[in-house]
Amino acid sequence: MSGVLRITYRKSSIGYSERQKQTVRSLGLRKLGQSVERPDTTTVRGMVFHVRHLVTVQEVPGAVSAEGVAASV
């Protein structure tokens, strides 16, 4: 896995567990409709999996994360 994921906060976490709310916050999402780009790692994928009903995910084409650059050098 290399590249970047664009994660968009689509549904409010009100009414869901505190753990899911914390996961959304730790992804860097604060407001509905906000998008962030995170490296495509197993850790980020796991976090997204746990809140997949609250977010949408897209792979950013042509983007390489800093981690991917370091691995290729």
PDB file of N, CA and C in Angstrom:
ATOM      1  N   MET A   1       0.836  -1.168   0.000  1.00  0.00           N
ATOM      2  CA  MET A   1       0.000   0.000   0.000  1.00  0.00           C
ATOM      3  C   MET A   1       0.884   1.236   0.000  1.00  0.00           C
ATOM      4  N   SER A   2       0.722   2.027  -1.002  1.00  0.00           N
ATOM      5  CA  SER A   2       1.399   3.316  -1.004  1.00  0.00           C
ATOM      6  C   SER A   2       0.465   4.313  -1.651  1.00  0.00           C
ATOM      7  N   GLY A   3       0.668   5.539  -1.351  1.00  0.00           N
ATOM      8  CA  GLY A   3      -0.193   6.566  -1.891  1.00  0.00           C
ATOM      9  C   GLY A   3      -0.902   7.312  -0.792  1.00  0.00           C
ATOM     10  N   VAL A   4      -1.984   7.947  -1.196  1.00  0.00           N
ATOM     11  CA  VAL A   4      -2.710   8.817  -0.269  1.00  0.00           C
ATOM     12  C   VAL A   4      -4.204   8.518  -0.361  1.00  0.00           C
ATOM     13  N   LEU A   5      -4.866   8.576   0.789  1.00  0.00           N
ATOM     14  CA  LEU A   5      -6.318   8.421   0.847  1.00  0.00           C
ATOM     15  C   LEU A   5      -6.943   9.765   1.178  1.00  0.00           C
ATOM     16  N   ARG A   6      -8.004  10.137   0.465  1.00  0.00           N
ATOM     17  CA  ARG A   6      -8.779  11.326   0.807  1.00  0.00           C
ATOM     18  C   ARG A   6     -10.006  10.838   1.566  1.00  0.00           C
ATOM     19  N   ILE A   7     -10.113  11.261   2.816  1.00  0.00           N
ATOM     20  CA  ILE A   7     -11.189  10.825   3.700  1.00  0.00           C
ATOM     21  C   ILE A   7     -12.104  12.017   3.942  1.00  0.00           C
ATOM     22  N   THR A   8     -13.403  11.833   3.684  1.00  0.00           N
ATOM     23  CA  THR A   8     -14.383  12.903   3.828  1.00  0.00           C
ATOM     24  C   THR A   8     -15.402  12.511   4.892  1.00  0.00           C
ATOM     25  N   TYR A   9     -15.638  13.423   5.832  1.00  0.00           N
ATOM     26  CA  TYR A   9     -16.591  13.223   6.922  1.00  0.00           C
ATOM     27  C   TYR A   9     -17.994  13.484   6.384  1.00  0.00           C
ATOM     28  N   ARG A  10     -18.832  12.448   6.280  1.00  0.00           N
ATOM     29  CA  ARG A  10     -20.141  12.555   5.638  1.00  0.00           C
ATOM     30  C   ARG A  10     -21.338  12.489   6.573  1.00  0.00           C
ATOM     31  N   LYS A  11     -21.220  11.790   7.694  1.00  0.00           N
ATOM     32  CA  LYS A  11     -22.373  11.612   8.575  1.00  0.00           C
ATOM     33  C   LYS A  11     -21.948  11.908  10.005  1.00  0.00           C
ATOM     34  N   SER A  12     -22.802  12.591  10.738  1.00  0.00           N
ATOM     35  CA  SER A  12     -22.486  12.985  12.108  1.00  0.00           C
ATOM     36  C   SER A  12     -22.276  11.768  13.006  1.00  0.00           C
ATOM     37  N   SER A  13     -21.385  11.922  13.965  1.00  0.00           N
ATOM     38  CA  SER A  13     -21.106  10.837  14.905  1.00  0.00           C
ATOM     39  C   SER A  13     -21.984  10.928  16.160  1.00  0.00           C
ATOM     40  N   ILE A  14     -22.915  11.881  16.184  1.00  0.00           N
ATOM     41  CA  ILE A  14     -23.846  11.989  17.313  1.00  0.00           C
ATOM     42  C   ILE A  14     -24.674  10.702  17.371  1.00  0.00           C
ATOM     43  N   GLY A  15     -24.766  10.135  18.545  1.00  0.00           N
ATOM     44  CA  GLY A  15     -25.530   8.905  18.725  1.00  0.00           C
ATOM     45  C   GLY A  15     -24.685   7.653  18.586  1.00  0.00           C
ATOM     46  N   TYR A  16     -23.410   7.809  18.228  1.00  0.00           N
ATOM     47  CA  TYR A  16     -22.509   6.668  18.113  1.00  0.00           C
ATOM     48  C   TYR A  16     -21.589   6.642  19.324  1.00  0.00           C
ATOM     49  N   SER A  17     -20.862   5.571  19.483  1.00  0.00           N
ATOM     50  CA  SER A  17     -20.027   5.403  20.673  1.00  0.00           C
ATOM     51  C   SER A  17     -18.910   6.444  20.734  1.00  0.00           C
ATOM     52  N   GLU A  18     -18.446   6.673  21.935  1.00  0.00           N
ATOM     53  CA  GLU A  18     -17.349   7.629  22.162  1.00  0.00           C
ATOM     54  C   GLU A  18     -16.091   7.181  21.416  1.00  0.00           C
ATOM     55  N   ARG A  19     -15.897   5.903  21.322  1.00  0.00           N
ATOM     56  CA  ARG A  19     -14.722   5.373  20.611  1.00  0.00           C
ATOM     57  C   ARG A  19     -14.758   5.764  19.133  1.00  0.00           C
ATOM     58  N   GLN A  20     -15.924   5.690  18.511  1.00  0.00           N
ATOM     59  CA  GLN A  20     -16.047   6.076  17.113  1.00  0.00           C
ATOM     60  C   GLN A  20     -15.847   7.577  16.949  1.00  0.00           C
ATOM     61  N   LYS A  21     -16.353   8.367  17.891  1.00  0.00           N
ATOM     62  CA  LYS A  21     -16.145   9.815  17.845  1.00  0.00           C
ATOM     63  C   LYS A  21     -14.663  10.142  17.941  1.00  0.00           C
ATOM     64  N   GLN A  22     -13.949   9.452  18.806  1.00  0.00           N
ATOM     65  CA  GLN A  22     -12.518   9.675  18.957  1.00  0.00           C
ATOM     66  C   GLN A  22     -11.754   9.251  17.708  1.00  0.00           C
ATOM     67  N   THR A  23     -12.195   8.203  17.055  1.00  0.00           N
ATOM     68  CA  THR A  23     -11.546   7.754  15.828  1.00  0.00           C
ATOM     69  C   THR A  23     -11.694   8.796  14.735  1.00  0.00           C
ATOM     70  N   VAL A  24     -12.880   9.367  14.596  1.00  0.00           N
ATOM     71  CA  VAL A  24     -13.107  10.417  13.605  1.00  0.00           C
ATOM     72  C   VAL A  24     -12.194  11.602  13.893  1.00  0.00           C
ATOM     73  N   ARG A  25     -12.106  11.999  15.152  1.00  0.00           N
ATOM     74  CA  ARG A  25     -11.243  13.122  15.539  1.00  0.00           C
ATOM     75  C   ARG A  25      -9.774  12.812  15.273  1.00  0.00           C
ATOM     76  N   SER A  26      -9.346  11.587  15.541  1.00  0.00           N
ATOM     77  CA  SER A  26      -7.942  11.236  15.355  1.00  0.00           C
ATOM     78  C   SER A  26      -7.562  11.158  13.882  1.00  0.00           C
ATOM     79  N   LEU A  27      -8.548  10.995  13.017  1.00  0.00           N
ATOM     80  CA  LEU A  27      -8.289  11.069  11.579  1.00  0.00           C
ATOM     81  C   LEU A  27      -8.099  12.520  11.133  1.00  0.00           C
ATOM     82  N   GLY A  28      -8.427  13.459  12.014  1.00  0.00           N
ATOM     83  CA  GLY A  28      -8.269  14.873  11.710  1.00  0.00           C
ATOM     84  C   GLY A  28      -9.538  15.526  11.204  1.00  0.00           C
ATOM     85  N   LEU A  29     -10.665  14.859  11.401  1.00  0.00           N
ATOM     86  CA  LEU A  29     -11.939  15.377  10.911  1.00  0.00           C
ATOM     87  C   LEU A  29     -12.688  16.074  12.035  1.00  0.00           C
ATOM     88  N   ARG A  30     -13.125  17.302  11.781  1.00  0.00           N
ATOM     89  CA  ARG A  30     -13.842  18.070  12.791  1.00  0.00           C
ATOM     90  C   ARG A  30     -15.248  18.454  12.349  1.00  0.00           C
ATOM     91  N   LYS A  31     -15.408  18.864  11.100  1.00  0.00           N
ATOM     92  CA  LYS A  31     -16.709  19.338  10.614  1.00  0.00           C
ATOM     93  C   LYS A  31     -17.228  18.435   9.501  1.00  0.00           C
ATOM     94  N   LEU A  32     -18.548  18.336   9.416  1.00  0.00           N
ATOM     95  CA  LEU A  32     -19.156  17.562   8.339  1.00  0.00           C
ATOM     96  C   LEU A  32     -18.752  18.153   6.997  1.00  0.00           C
ATOM     97  N   GLY A  33     -18.443  17.290   6.057  1.00  0.00           N
ATOM     98  CA  GLY A  33     -18.048  17.729   4.728  1.00  0.00           C
ATOM     99  C   GLY A  33     -16.564  17.998   4.596  1.00  0.00           C
ATOM    100  N   GLN A  34     -15.839  17.990   5.701  1.00  0.00           N
ATOM    101  CA  GLN A  34     -14.405  18.242   5.663  1.00  0.00           C
ATOM    102  C   GLN A  34     -13.677  17.028   5.102  1.00  0.00           C
ATOM    103  N   SER A  35     -12.629  17.292   4.318  1.00  0.00           N
ATOM    104  CA  SER A  35     -11.802  16.228   3.763  1.00  0.00           C
ATOM    105  C   SER A  35     -10.370  16.397   4.234  1.00  0.00           C
ATOM    106  N   VAL A  36      -9.721  15.280   4.483  1.00  0.00           N
ATOM    107  CA  VAL A  36      -8.306  15.276   4.837  1.00  0.00           C
ATOM    108  C   VAL A  36      -7.617  14.214   3.989  1.00  0.00           C
ATOM    109  N   GLU A  37      -6.328  14.384   3.793  1.00  0.00           N
ATOM    110  CA  GLU A  37      -5.550  13.385   3.074  1.00  0.00           C
ATOM    111  C   GLU A  37      -4.581  12.747   4.056  1.00  0.00           C
ATOM    112  N   ARG A  38      -4.595  11.434   4.083  1.00  0.00           N
ATOM    113  CA  ARG A  38      -3.750  10.665   4.978  1.00  0.00           C
ATOM    114  C   ARG A  38      -2.996   9.617   4.168  1.00  0.00           C
ATOM    115  N   PRO A  39      -1.804   9.230   4.620  1.00  0.00           N
ATOM    116  CA  PRO A  39      -1.063   8.184   3.911  1.00  0.00           C
ATOM    117  C   PRO A  39      -1.832   6.870   3.952  1.00  0.00           C
ATOM    118  N   ASP A  40      -1.710   6.104   2.900  1.00  0.00           N
ATOM    119  CA  ASP A  40      -2.406   4.827   2.788  1.00  0.00           C
ATOM    120  C   ASP A  40      -1.603   3.760   3.526  1.00  0.00           C
ATOM    121  N   THR A  41      -1.863   3.659   4.833  1.00  0.00           N
ATOM    122  CA  THR A  41      -1.191   2.672   5.670  1.00  0.00           C
ATOM    123  C   THR A  41      -2.226   1.755   6.289  1.00  0.00           C
ATOM    124  N   THR A  42      -1.765   0.652   6.832  1.00  0.00           N
ATOM    125  CA  THR A  42      -2.703  -0.280   7.462  1.00  0.00           C
ATOM    126  C   THR A  42      -3.369   0.349   8.681  1.00  0.00           C
ATOM    127  N   THR A  43      -2.665   1.220   9.387  1.00  0.00           N
ATOM    128  CA  THR A  43      -3.241   1.887  10.554  1.00  0.00           C
ATOM    129  C   THR A  43      -4.404   2.782  10.154  1.00  0.00           C
ATOM    130  N   VAL A  44      -4.195   3.598   9.137  1.00  0.00           N
ATOM    131  CA  VAL A  44      -5.248   4.501   8.668  1.00  0.00           C
ATOM    132  C   VAL A  44      -6.403   3.694   8.088  1.00  0.00           C
ATOM    133  N   ARG A  45      -6.100   2.650   7.337  1.00  0.00           N
ATOM    134  CA  ARG A  45      -7.161   1.794   6.783  1.00  0.00           C
ATOM    135  C   ARG A  45      -8.002   1.171   7.891  1.00  0.00           C
ATOM    136  N   GLY A  46      -7.373   0.752   8.983  1.00  0.00           N
ATOM    137  CA  GLY A  46      -8.100   0.174  10.107  1.00  0.00           C
ATOM    138  C   GLY A  46      -9.014   1.186  10.773  1.00  0.00           C
ATOM    139  N   MET A  47      -8.518   2.414  10.916  1.00  0.00           N
ATOM    140  CA  MET A  47      -9.340   3.464  11.515  1.00  0.00           C
ATOM    141  C   MET A  47     -10.549   3.763  10.633  1.00  0.00           C
ATOM    142  N   VAL A  48     -10.316   3.841   9.337  1.00  0.00           N
ATOM    143  CA  VAL A  48     -11.407   4.104   8.390  1.00  0.00           C
ATOM    144  C   VAL A  48     -12.417   2.959   8.427  1.00  0.00           C
ATOM    145  N   PHE A  49     -11.944   1.733   8.548  1.00  0.00           N
ATOM    146  CA  PHE A  49     -12.834   0.576   8.588  1.00  0.00           C
ATOM    147  C   PHE A  49     -13.816   0.682   9.757  1.00  0.00           C
ATOM    148  N   HIS A  50     -13.344   1.155  10.903  1.00  0.00           N
ATOM    149  CA  HIS A  50     -14.196   1.238  12.083  1.00  0.00           C
ATOM    150  C   HIS A  50     -15.245   2.340  11.996  1.00  0.00           C
ATOM    151  N   VAL A  51     -15.027   3.339  11.161  1.00  0.00           N
ATOM    152  CA  VAL A  51     -16.012   4.423  11.015  1.00  0.00           C
ATOM    153  C   VAL A  51     -16.476   4.548   9.560  1.00  0.00           C
ATOM    154  N   ARG A  52     -16.456   3.441   8.840  1.00  0.00           N
ATOM    155  CA  ARG A  52     -16.788   3.451   7.408  1.00  0.00           C
ATOM    156  C   ARG A  52     -18.207   3.935   7.127  1.00  0.00           C
ATOM    157  N   HIS A  53     -19.104   3.845   8.108  1.00  0.00           N
ATOM    158  CA  HIS A  53     -20.480   4.314   7.945  1.00  0.00           C
ATOM    159  C   HIS A  53     -20.581   5.836   8.113  1.00  0.00           C
ATOM    160  N   LEU A  54     -19.512   6.485   8.572  1.00  0.00           N
ATOM    161  CA  LEU A  54     -19.520   7.931   8.796  1.00  0.00           C
ATOM    162  C   LEU A  54     -18.688   8.695   7.766  1.00  0.00           C
ATOM    163  N   VAL A  55     -17.840   8.000   7.025  1.00  0.00           N
ATOM    164  CA  VAL A  55     -16.915   8.663   6.094  1.00  0.00           C
ATOM    165  C   VAL A  55     -16.974   8.020   4.717  1.00  0.00           C
ATOM    166  N   THR A  56     -16.446   8.758   3.730  1.00  0.00           N
ATOM    167  CA  THR A  56     -16.207   8.182   2.414  1.00  0.00           C
ATOM    168  C   THR A  56     -14.715   8.290   2.142  1.00  0.00           C
ATOM    169  N   VAL A  57     -14.196   7.346   1.360  1.00  0.00           N
ATOM    170  CA  VAL A  57     -12.760   7.278   1.112  1.00  0.00           C
ATOM    171  C   VAL A  57     -12.505   7.185  -0.378  1.00  0.00           C
ATOM    172  N   GLN A  58     -11.501   7.938  -0.828  1.00  0.00           N
ATOM    173  CA  GLN A  58     -11.060   7.875  -2.223  1.00  0.00           C
ATOM    174  C   GLN A  58      -9.550   7.759  -2.231  1.00  0.00           C
ATOM    175  N   GLU A  59      -9.029   6.979  -3.162  1.00  0.00           N
ATOM    176  CA  GLU A  59      -7.592   6.947  -3.352  1.00  0.00           C
ATOM    177  C   GLU A  59      -7.227   8.096  -4.275  1.00  0.00           C
ATOM    178  N   VAL A  60      -6.240   8.886  -3.876  1.00  0.00           N
ATOM    179  CA  VAL A  60      -5.825  10.034  -4.680  1.00  0.00           C
ATOM    180  C   VAL A  60      -4.861   9.526  -5.744  1.00  0.00           C
ATOM    181  N   PRO A  61      -5.228   9.649  -7.021  1.00  0.00           N
ATOM    182  CA  PRO A  61      -4.363   9.145  -8.081  1.00  0.00           C
ATOM    183  C   PRO A  61      -3.128  10.005  -8.258  1.00  0.00           C
ATOM    184  N   GLY A  62      -1.989   9.367  -8.436  1.00  0.00           N
ATOM    185  CA  GLY A  62      -0.754  10.083  -8.711  1.00  0.00           C
ATOM    186  C   GLY A  62      -0.097  10.697  -7.504  1.00  0.00           C
ATOM    187  N   ALA A  63      -0.705  10.597  -6.336  1.00  0.00           N
ATOM    188  CA  ALA A  63      -0.109  11.180  -5.133  1.00  0.00           C
ATOM    189  C   ALA A  63       0.739  10.131  -4.446  1.00  0.00           C
ATOM    190  N   VAL A  64       1.882  10.576  -3.954  1.00  0.00           N
ATOM    191  CA  VAL A  64       2.764   9.691  -3.208  1.00  0.00           C
ATOM    192  C   VAL A  64       2.974  10.299  -1.844  1.00  0.00           C
ATOM    193  N   SER A  65       2.776   9.508  -0.816  1.00  0.00           N
ATOM    194  CA  SER A  65       2.965  10.013   0.540  1.00  0.00           C
ATOM    195  C   SER A  65       4.458  10.141   0.849  1.00  0.00           C
ATOM    196  N   ALA A  66       4.782  10.878   1.878  1.00  0.00           N
ATOM    197  CA  ALA A  66       6.173  11.035   2.301  1.00  0.00           C
ATOM    198  C   ALA A  66       6.760   9.675   2.676  1.00  0.00           C
ATOM    199  N   GLU A  67       5.924   8.812   3.216  1.00  0.00           N
ATOM    200  CA  GLU A  67       6.379   7.485   3.591  1.00  0.00           C
ATOM    201  C   GLU A  67       6.780   6.685   2.351  1.00  0.00           C
ATOM    202  N   GLY A  68       6.011   6.826   1.282  1.00  0.00           N
ATOM    203  CA  GLY A  68       6.322   6.141   0.035  1.00  0.00           C
ATOM    204  C   GLY A  68       7.598   6.654  -0.606  1.00  0.00           C
ATOM    205  N   VAL A  69       7.861   7.938  -0.478  1.00  0.00           N
ATOM    206  CA  VAL A  69       9.089   8.518  -1.015  1.00  0.00           C
ATOM    207  C   VAL A  69      10.285   7.987  -0.247  1.00  0.00           C
ATOM    208  N   ALA A  70      10.176   7.917   1.065  1.00  0.00           N
ATOM    209  CA  ALA A  70      11.282   7.433   1.898  1.00  0.00           C
ATOM    210  C   ALA A  70      11.582   5.964   1.607  1.00  0.00           C
ATOM    211  N   ALA A  71      10.559   5.184   1.322  1.00  0.00           N
ATOM    212  CA  ALA A  71      10.757   3.770   1.047  1.00  0.00           C
ATOM    213  C   ALA A  71      11.430   3.543  -0.307  1.00  0.00           C
ATOM    214  N   SER A  72      11.213   4.452  -1.247  1.00  0.00           N
ATOM    215  CA  SER A  72      11.776   4.261  -2.578  1.00  0.00           C
ATOM    216  C   SER A  72      13.199   4.763  -2.702  1.00  0.00           C
ATOM    217  N   VAL A  73      13.676   5.509  -1.716  1.00  0.00           N
ATOM    218  CA  VAL A  73      15.046   6.059  -1.785  1.00  0.00           C
ATOM    219  C   VAL A  73      16.050   5.066  -1.319  1.00  0.00           C
TER     220      VAL A  73
END
